[in-house]
Amino acid sequence: MSAGECRLLDAIADGSQFKEAAQYLGVAPSTARTWAKRAYRKLGVADRERAIAKHNSLTRRGHVCAHLRLATQ
């Protein structure tokens, strides 16, 4: 998963809407939606709620976006 896709999922998991997440990440809302669609496809889910649940589950186990967290520690 790309860095942008991971950061977007983190933001929406924290309760941000796409527009807010895009602003926080410094990208256009259309870019945030593209990242979301790609992330959903990679996670094998069809909607925001399932994406957040799966992302959170995989992140707790160190499977998703771990490469990003290790780089910033």
PDB file of N, CA and C in Angstrom:
ATOM      1  N   MET A   1       0.852  -1.162   0.000  1.00  0.00           N
ATOM      2  CA  MET A   1       0.000   0.000   0.000  1.00  0.00           C
ATOM      3  C   MET A   1       0.903   1.232   0.000  1.00  0.00           C
ATOM      4  N   SER A   2       0.504   2.243  -0.749  1.00  0.00           N
ATOM      5  CA  SER A   2       1.336   3.447  -0.837  1.00  0.00           C
ATOM      6  C   SER A   2       1.269   4.258   0.454  1.00  0.00           C
ATOM      7  N   ALA A   3       2.236   5.142   0.599  1.00  0.00           N
ATOM      8  CA  ALA A   3       2.267   6.014   1.780  1.00  0.00           C
ATOM      9  C   ALA A   3       1.008   6.871   1.846  1.00  0.00           C
ATOM     10  N   GLY A   4       0.581   7.411   0.714  1.00  0.00           N
ATOM     11  CA  GLY A   4      -0.623   8.238   0.681  1.00  0.00           C
ATOM     12  C   GLY A   4      -1.866   7.467   1.084  1.00  0.00           C
ATOM     13  N   GLU A   5      -1.986   6.248   0.571  1.00  0.00           N
ATOM     14  CA  GLU A   5      -3.136   5.415   0.913  1.00  0.00           C
ATOM     15  C   GLU A   5      -3.155   5.108   2.408  1.00  0.00           C
ATOM     16  N   CYS A   6      -2.003   4.812   2.971  1.00  0.00           N
ATOM     17  CA  CYS A   6      -1.926   4.528   4.411  1.00  0.00           C
ATOM     18  C   CYS A   6      -2.274   5.753   5.244  1.00  0.00           C
ATOM     19  N   ARG A   7      -1.714   6.894   4.875  1.00  0.00           N
ATOM     20  CA  ARG A   7      -2.001   8.120   5.628  1.00  0.00           C
ATOM     21  C   ARG A   7      -3.475   8.484   5.527  1.00  0.00           C
ATOM     22  N   LEU A   8      -4.069   8.270   4.349  1.00  0.00           N
ATOM     23  CA  LEU A   8      -5.492   8.561   4.193  1.00  0.00           C
ATOM     24  C   LEU A   8      -6.321   7.643   5.078  1.00  0.00           C
ATOM     25  N   LEU A   9      -6.028   6.352   5.069  1.00  0.00           N
ATOM     26  CA  LEU A   9      -6.777   5.422   5.917  1.00  0.00           C
ATOM     27  C   LEU A   9      -6.622   5.767   7.389  1.00  0.00           C
ATOM     28  N   ASP A  10      -5.434   6.169   7.799  1.00  0.00           N
ATOM     29  CA  ASP A  10      -5.243   6.599   9.185  1.00  0.00           C
ATOM     30  C   ASP A  10      -6.140   7.795   9.500  1.00  0.00           C
ATOM     31  N   ALA A  11      -6.189   8.755   8.577  1.00  0.00           N
ATOM     32  CA  ALA A  11      -6.989   9.965   8.802  1.00  0.00           C
ATOM     33  C   ALA A  11      -8.478   9.657   8.871  1.00  0.00           C
ATOM     34  N   ILE A  12      -8.971   8.833   7.940  1.00  0.00           N
ATOM     35  CA  ILE A  12     -10.409   8.554   7.985  1.00  0.00           C
ATOM     36  C   ILE A  12     -10.754   7.629   9.147  1.00  0.00           C
ATOM     37  N   ALA A  13      -9.808   6.803   9.570  1.00  0.00           N
ATOM     38  CA  ALA A  13     -10.048   5.962  10.753  1.00  0.00           C
ATOM     39  C   ALA A  13     -10.173   6.825  12.001  1.00  0.00           C
ATOM     40  N   ASP A  14      -9.512   7.990  11.987  1.00  0.00           N
ATOM     41  CA  ASP A  14      -9.606   8.928  13.113  1.00  0.00           C
ATOM     42  C   ASP A  14     -10.849   9.800  13.034  1.00  0.00           C
ATOM     43  N   GLY A  15     -11.689   9.586  11.988  1.00  0.00           N
ATOM     44  CA  GLY A  15     -12.957  10.298  11.895  1.00  0.00           C
ATOM     45  C   GLY A  15     -13.018  11.410  10.869  1.00  0.00           C
ATOM     46  N   SER A  16     -11.954  11.648  10.148  1.00  0.00           N
ATOM     47  CA  SER A  16     -11.964  12.703   9.133  1.00  0.00           C
ATOM     48  C   SER A  16     -12.796  12.289   7.924  1.00  0.00           C
ATOM     49  N   GLN A  17     -13.468  13.262   7.331  1.00  0.00           N
ATOM     50  CA  GLN A  17     -14.125  13.060   6.046  1.00  0.00           C
ATOM     51  C   GLN A  17     -13.053  13.204   4.969  1.00  0.00           C
ATOM     52  N   PHE A  18     -13.363  12.777   3.733  1.00  0.00           N
ATOM     53  CA  PHE A  18     -12.368  12.846   2.661  1.00  0.00           C
ATOM     54  C   PHE A  18     -11.836  14.260   2.471  1.00  0.00           C
ATOM     55  N   LYS A  19     -12.716  15.239   2.490  1.00  0.00           N
ATOM     56  CA  LYS A  19     -12.299  16.630   2.275  1.00  0.00           C
ATOM     57  C   LYS A  19     -11.342  17.082   3.377  1.00  0.00           C
ATOM     58  N   GLU A  20     -11.670  16.754   4.620  1.00  0.00           N
ATOM     59  CA  GLU A  20     -10.800  17.105   5.750  1.00  0.00           C
ATOM     60  C   GLU A  20      -9.472  16.369   5.664  1.00  0.00           C
ATOM     61  N   ALA A  21      -9.519  15.087   5.334  1.00  0.00           N
ATOM     62  CA  ALA A  21      -8.303  14.290   5.219  1.00  0.00           C
ATOM     63  C   ALA A  21      -7.415  14.838   4.110  1.00  0.00           C
ATOM     64  N   ALA A  22      -8.028  15.199   2.985  1.00  0.00           N
ATOM     65  CA  ALA A  22      -7.262  15.758   1.870  1.00  0.00           C
ATOM     66  C   ALA A  22      -6.562  17.043   2.287  1.00  0.00           C
ATOM     67  N   GLN A  23      -7.283  17.895   2.975  1.00  0.00           N
ATOM     68  CA  GLN A  23      -6.704  19.165   3.429  1.00  0.00           C
ATOM     69  C   GLN A  23      -5.549  18.904   4.397  1.00  0.00           C
ATOM     70  N   TYR A  24      -5.741  18.000   5.329  1.00  0.00           N
ATOM     71  CA  TYR A  24      -4.710  17.640   6.298  1.00  0.00           C
ATOM     72  C   TYR A  24      -3.461  17.081   5.599  1.00  0.00           C
ATOM     73  N   LEU A  25      -3.694  16.261   4.562  1.00  0.00           N
ATOM     74  CA  LEU A  25      -2.588  15.628   3.840  1.00  0.00           C
ATOM     75  C   LEU A  25      -1.991  16.528   2.767  1.00  0.00           C
ATOM     76  N   GLY A  26      -2.641  17.648   2.500  1.00  0.00           N
ATOM     77  CA  GLY A  26      -2.130  18.586   1.513  1.00  0.00           C
ATOM     78  C   GLY A  26      -2.333  18.145   0.073  1.00  0.00           C
ATOM     79  N   VAL A  27      -3.434  17.436  -0.169  1.00  0.00           N
ATOM     80  CA  VAL A  27      -3.748  16.973  -1.523  1.00  0.00           C
ATOM     81  C   VAL A  27      -5.176  17.384  -1.880  1.00  0.00           C
ATOM     82  N   ALA A  28      -5.493  17.305  -3.159  1.00  0.00           N
ATOM     83  CA  ALA A  28      -6.847  17.609  -3.612  1.00  0.00           C
ATOM     84  C   ALA A  28      -7.808  16.519  -3.142  1.00  0.00           C
ATOM     85  N   PRO A  29      -9.079  16.875  -2.906  1.00  0.00           N
ATOM     86  CA  PRO A  29     -10.062  15.859  -2.533  1.00  0.00           C
ATOM     87  C   PRO A  29     -10.148  14.727  -3.552  1.00  0.00           C
ATOM     88  N   SER A  30      -9.973  15.027  -4.818  1.00  0.00           N
ATOM     89  CA  SER A  30     -10.020  13.974  -5.835  1.00  0.00           C
ATOM     90  C   SER A  30      -8.868  12.986  -5.658  1.00  0.00           C
ATOM     91  N   THR A  31      -7.715  13.481  -5.237  1.00  0.00           N
ATOM     92  CA  THR A  31      -6.578  12.594  -4.965  1.00  0.00           C
ATOM     93  C   THR A  31      -6.893  11.691  -3.781  1.00  0.00           C
ATOM     94  N   ALA A  32      -7.493  12.254  -2.747  1.00  0.00           N
ATOM     95  CA  ALA A  32      -7.859  11.453  -1.574  1.00  0.00           C
ATOM     96  C   ALA A  32      -8.848  10.360  -1.961  1.00  0.00           C
ATOM     97  N   ARG A  33      -9.808  10.685  -2.814  1.00  0.00           N
ATOM     98  CA  ARG A  33     -10.779   9.676  -3.246  1.00  0.00           C
ATOM     99  C   ARG A  33     -10.106   8.589  -4.082  1.00  0.00           C
ATOM    100  N   THR A  34      -9.160   8.980  -4.920  1.00  0.00           N
ATOM    101  CA  THR A  34      -8.417   7.986  -5.706  1.00  0.00           C
ATOM    102  C   THR A  34      -7.635   7.072  -4.787  1.00  0.00           C
ATOM    103  N   TRP A  35      -6.954   7.641  -3.798  1.00  0.00           N
ATOM    104  CA  TRP A  35      -6.208   6.822  -2.833  1.00  0.00           C
ATOM    105  C   TRP A  35      -7.145   5.872  -2.104  1.00  0.00           C
ATOM    106  N   ALA A  36      -8.334   6.371  -1.740  1.00  0.00           N
ATOM    107  CA  ALA A  36      -9.305   5.532  -1.038  1.00  0.00           C
ATOM    108  C   ALA A  36      -9.732   4.353  -1.911  1.00  0.00           C
ATOM    109  N   LYS A  37     -10.057   4.629  -3.167  1.00  0.00           N
ATOM    110  CA  LYS A  37     -10.487   3.552  -4.070  1.00  0.00           C
ATOM    111  C   LYS A  37      -9.392   2.500  -4.221  1.00  0.00           C
ATOM    112  N   ARG A  38      -8.162   2.950  -4.357  1.00  0.00           N
ATOM    113  CA  ARG A  38      -7.047   2.008  -4.494  1.00  0.00           C
ATOM    114  C   ARG A  38      -6.860   1.198  -3.214  1.00  0.00           C
ATOM    115  N   ALA A  39      -6.953   1.874  -2.071  1.00  0.00           N
ATOM    116  CA  ALA A  39      -6.797   1.179  -0.789  1.00  0.00           C
ATOM    117  C   ALA A  39      -7.907   0.144  -0.602  1.00  0.00           C
ATOM    118  N   TYR A  40      -9.150   0.529  -0.928  1.00  0.00           N
ATOM    119  CA  TYR A  40     -10.268  -0.407  -0.802  1.00  0.00           C
ATOM    120  C   TYR A  40     -10.002  -1.651  -1.642  1.00  0.00           C
ATOM    121  N   ARG A  41      -9.554  -1.430  -2.876  1.00  0.00           N
ATOM    122  CA  ARG A  41      -9.279  -2.557  -3.778  1.00  0.00           C
ATOM    123  C   ARG A  41      -8.177  -3.448  -3.198  1.00  0.00           C
ATOM    124  N   LYS A  42      -7.116  -2.833  -2.690  1.00  0.00           N
ATOM    125  CA  LYS A  42      -6.002  -3.613  -2.139  1.00  0.00           C
ATOM    126  C   LYS A  42      -6.406  -4.373  -0.877  1.00  0.00           C
ATOM    127  N   LEU A  43      -7.319  -3.797  -0.103  1.00  0.00           N
ATOM    128  CA  LEU A  43      -7.807  -4.458   1.108  1.00  0.00           C
ATOM    129  C   LEU A  43      -8.925  -5.456   0.819  1.00  0.00           C
ATOM    130  N   GLY A  44      -9.472  -5.417  -0.400  1.00  0.00           N
ATOM    131  CA  GLY A  44     -10.545  -6.330  -0.776  1.00  0.00           C
ATOM    132  C   GLY A  44     -11.878  -5.984  -0.148  1.00  0.00           C
ATOM    133  N   VAL A  45     -12.145  -4.674  -0.008  1.00  0.00           N
ATOM    134  CA  VAL A  45     -13.399  -4.220   0.597  1.00  0.00           C
ATOM    135  C   VAL A  45     -14.091  -3.246  -0.349  1.00  0.00           C
ATOM    136  N   ALA A  46     -15.357  -2.955  -0.065  1.00  0.00           N
ATOM    137  CA  ALA A  46     -16.140  -2.100  -0.954  1.00  0.00           C
ATOM    138  C   ALA A  46     -16.535  -0.762  -0.354  1.00  0.00           C
ATOM    139  N   ASP A  47     -16.324  -0.576   0.948  1.00  0.00           N
ATOM    140  CA  ASP A  47     -16.758   0.688   1.534  1.00  0.00           C
ATOM    141  C   ASP A  47     -15.835   1.141   2.662  1.00  0.00           C
ATOM    142  N   ARG A  48     -16.058   2.373   3.072  1.00  0.00           N
ATOM    143  CA  ARG A  48     -15.230   3.046   4.073  1.00  0.00           C
ATOM    144  C   ARG A  48     -15.186   2.288   5.405  1.00  0.00           C
ATOM    145  N   GLU A  49     -16.333   1.878   5.888  1.00  0.00           N
ATOM    146  CA  GLU A  49     -16.391   1.208   7.190  1.00  0.00           C
ATOM    147  C   GLU A  49     -15.586  -0.090   7.199  1.00  0.00           C
ATOM    148  N   ARG A  50     -15.746  -0.881   6.157  1.00  0.00           N
ATOM    149  CA  ARG A  50     -14.993  -2.142   6.080  1.00  0.00           C
ATOM    150  C   ARG A  50     -13.504  -1.876   5.893  1.00  0.00           C
ATOM    151  N   ALA A  51     -13.177  -0.841   5.129  1.00  0.00           N
ATOM    152  CA  ALA A  51     -11.760  -0.491   4.930  1.00  0.00           C
ATOM    153  C   ALA A  51     -11.115  -0.092   6.254  1.00  0.00           C
ATOM    154  N   ILE A  52     -11.811   0.715   7.032  1.00  0.00           N
ATOM    155  CA  ILE A  52     -11.281   1.151   8.326  1.00  0.00           C
ATOM    156  C   ILE A  52     -11.097  -0.051   9.244  1.00  0.00           C
ATOM    157  N   ALA A  53     -12.106  -0.915   9.304  1.00  0.00           N
ATOM    158  CA  ALA A  53     -12.025  -2.090  10.180  1.00  0.00           C
ATOM    159  C   ALA A  53     -10.855  -2.990   9.784  1.00  0.00           C
ATOM    160  N   LYS A  54     -10.708  -3.257   8.499  1.00  0.00           N
ATOM    161  CA  LYS A  54      -9.641  -4.142   8.050  1.00  0.00           C
ATOM    162  C   LYS A  54      -8.276  -3.483   8.235  1.00  0.00           C
ATOM    163  N   HIS A  55      -8.191  -2.201   7.913  1.00  0.00           N
ATOM    164  CA  HIS A  55      -6.941  -1.453   8.096  1.00  0.00           C
ATOM    165  C   HIS A  55      -6.516  -1.480   9.567  1.00  0.00           C
ATOM    166  N   ASN A  56      -7.453  -1.207  10.464  1.00  0.00           N
ATOM    167  CA  ASN A  56      -7.141  -1.215  11.895  1.00  0.00           C
ATOM    168  C   ASN A  56      -6.701  -2.596  12.362  1.00  0.00           C
ATOM    169  N   SER A  57      -7.392  -3.620  11.890  1.00  0.00           N
ATOM    170  CA  SER A  57      -7.046  -4.985  12.264  1.00  0.00           C
ATOM    171  C   SER A  57      -5.647  -5.353  11.783  1.00  0.00           C
ATOM    172  N   LEU A  58      -5.360  -5.068  10.525  1.00  0.00           N
ATOM    173  CA  LEU A  58      -4.048  -5.403   9.965  1.00  0.00           C
ATOM    174  C   LEU A  58      -2.935  -4.549  10.567  1.00  0.00           C
ATOM    175  N   THR A  59      -3.239  -3.296  10.853  1.00  0.00           N
ATOM    176  CA  THR A  59      -2.233  -2.404  11.438  1.00  0.00           C
ATOM    177  C   THR A  59      -1.843  -2.884  12.834  1.00  0.00           C
ATOM    178  N   ARG A  60      -2.834  -3.316  13.619  1.00  0.00           N
ATOM    179  CA  ARG A  60      -2.541  -3.822  14.975  1.00  0.00           C
ATOM    180  C   ARG A  60      -1.607  -5.023  14.910  1.00  0.00           C
ATOM    181  N   ARG A  61      -1.743  -5.813  13.852  1.00  0.00           N
ATOM    182  CA  ARG A  61      -0.896  -6.995  13.701  1.00  0.00           C
ATOM    183  C   ARG A  61       0.397  -6.688  12.950  1.00  0.00           C
ATOM    184  N   GLY A  62       0.580  -5.420  12.547  1.00  0.00           N
ATOM    185  CA  GLY A  62       1.820  -5.016  11.897  1.00  0.00           C
ATOM    186  C   GLY A  62       1.909  -5.348  10.422  1.00  0.00           C
ATOM    187  N   HIS A  63       0.781  -5.608   9.772  1.00  0.00           N
ATOM    188  CA  HIS A  63       0.811  -6.013   8.372  1.00  0.00           C
ATOM    189  C   HIS A  63       0.624  -4.868   7.383  1.00  0.00           C
ATOM    190  N   VAL A  64      -0.049  -3.808   7.772  1.00  0.00           N
ATOM    191  CA  VAL A  64      -0.326  -2.713   6.848  1.00  0.00           C
ATOM    192  C   VAL A  64       0.388  -1.463   7.329  1.00  0.00           C
ATOM    193  N   CYS A  65       1.086  -0.839   6.429  1.00  0.00           N
ATOM    194  CA  CYS A  65       1.724   0.455   6.671  1.00  0.00           C
ATOM    195  C   CYS A  65       2.834   0.392   7.707  1.00  0.00           C
ATOM    196  N   ALA A  66       3.250  -0.792   8.086  1.00  0.00           N
ATOM    197  CA  ALA A  66       4.331  -0.916   9.071  1.00  0.00           C
ATOM    198  C   ALA A  66       5.607  -0.282   8.555  1.00  0.00           C
ATOM    199  N   HIS A  67       5.849  -0.387   7.260  1.00  0.00           N
ATOM    200  CA  HIS A  67       7.057   0.199   6.684  1.00  0.00           C
ATOM    201  C   HIS A  67       7.098   1.708   6.895  1.00  0.00           C
ATOM    202  N   LEU A  68       5.932   2.358   6.938  1.00  0.00           N
ATOM    203  CA  LEU A  68       5.892   3.798   7.163  1.00  0.00           C
ATOM    204  C   LEU A  68       6.142   4.147   8.610  1.00  0.00           C
ATOM    205  N   ARG A  69       5.566   3.368   9.499  1.00  0.00           N
ATOM    206  CA  ARG A  69       5.736   3.637  10.927  1.00  0.00           C
ATOM    207  C   ARG A  69       7.189   3.396  11.358  1.00  0.00           C
ATOM    208  N   LEU A  70       7.814   2.386  10.832  1.00  0.00           N
ATOM    209  CA  LEU A  70       9.217   2.102  11.176  1.00  0.00           C
ATOM    210  C   LEU A  70      10.135   3.214  10.704  1.00  0.00           C
ATOM    211  N   ALA A  71       9.819   3.791   9.566  1.00  0.00           N
ATOM    212  CA  ALA A  71      10.662   4.857   9.007  1.00  0.00           C
ATOM    213  C   ALA A  71      10.587   6.136   9.831  1.00  0.00           C
ATOM    214  N   THR A  72       9.476   6.337  10.573  1.00  0.00           N
ATOM    215  CA  THR A  72       9.317   7.572  11.328  1.00  0.00           C
ATOM    216  C   THR A  72       9.670   7.422  12.802  1.00  0.00           C
ATOM    217  N   GLN A  73      10.027   6.235  13.220  1.00  0.00           N
ATOM    218  CA  GLN A  73      10.346   6.029  14.655  1.00  0.00           C
ATOM    219  C   GLN A  73      11.809   6.288  14.926  1.00  0.00           C
TER     220      GLN A  73
END
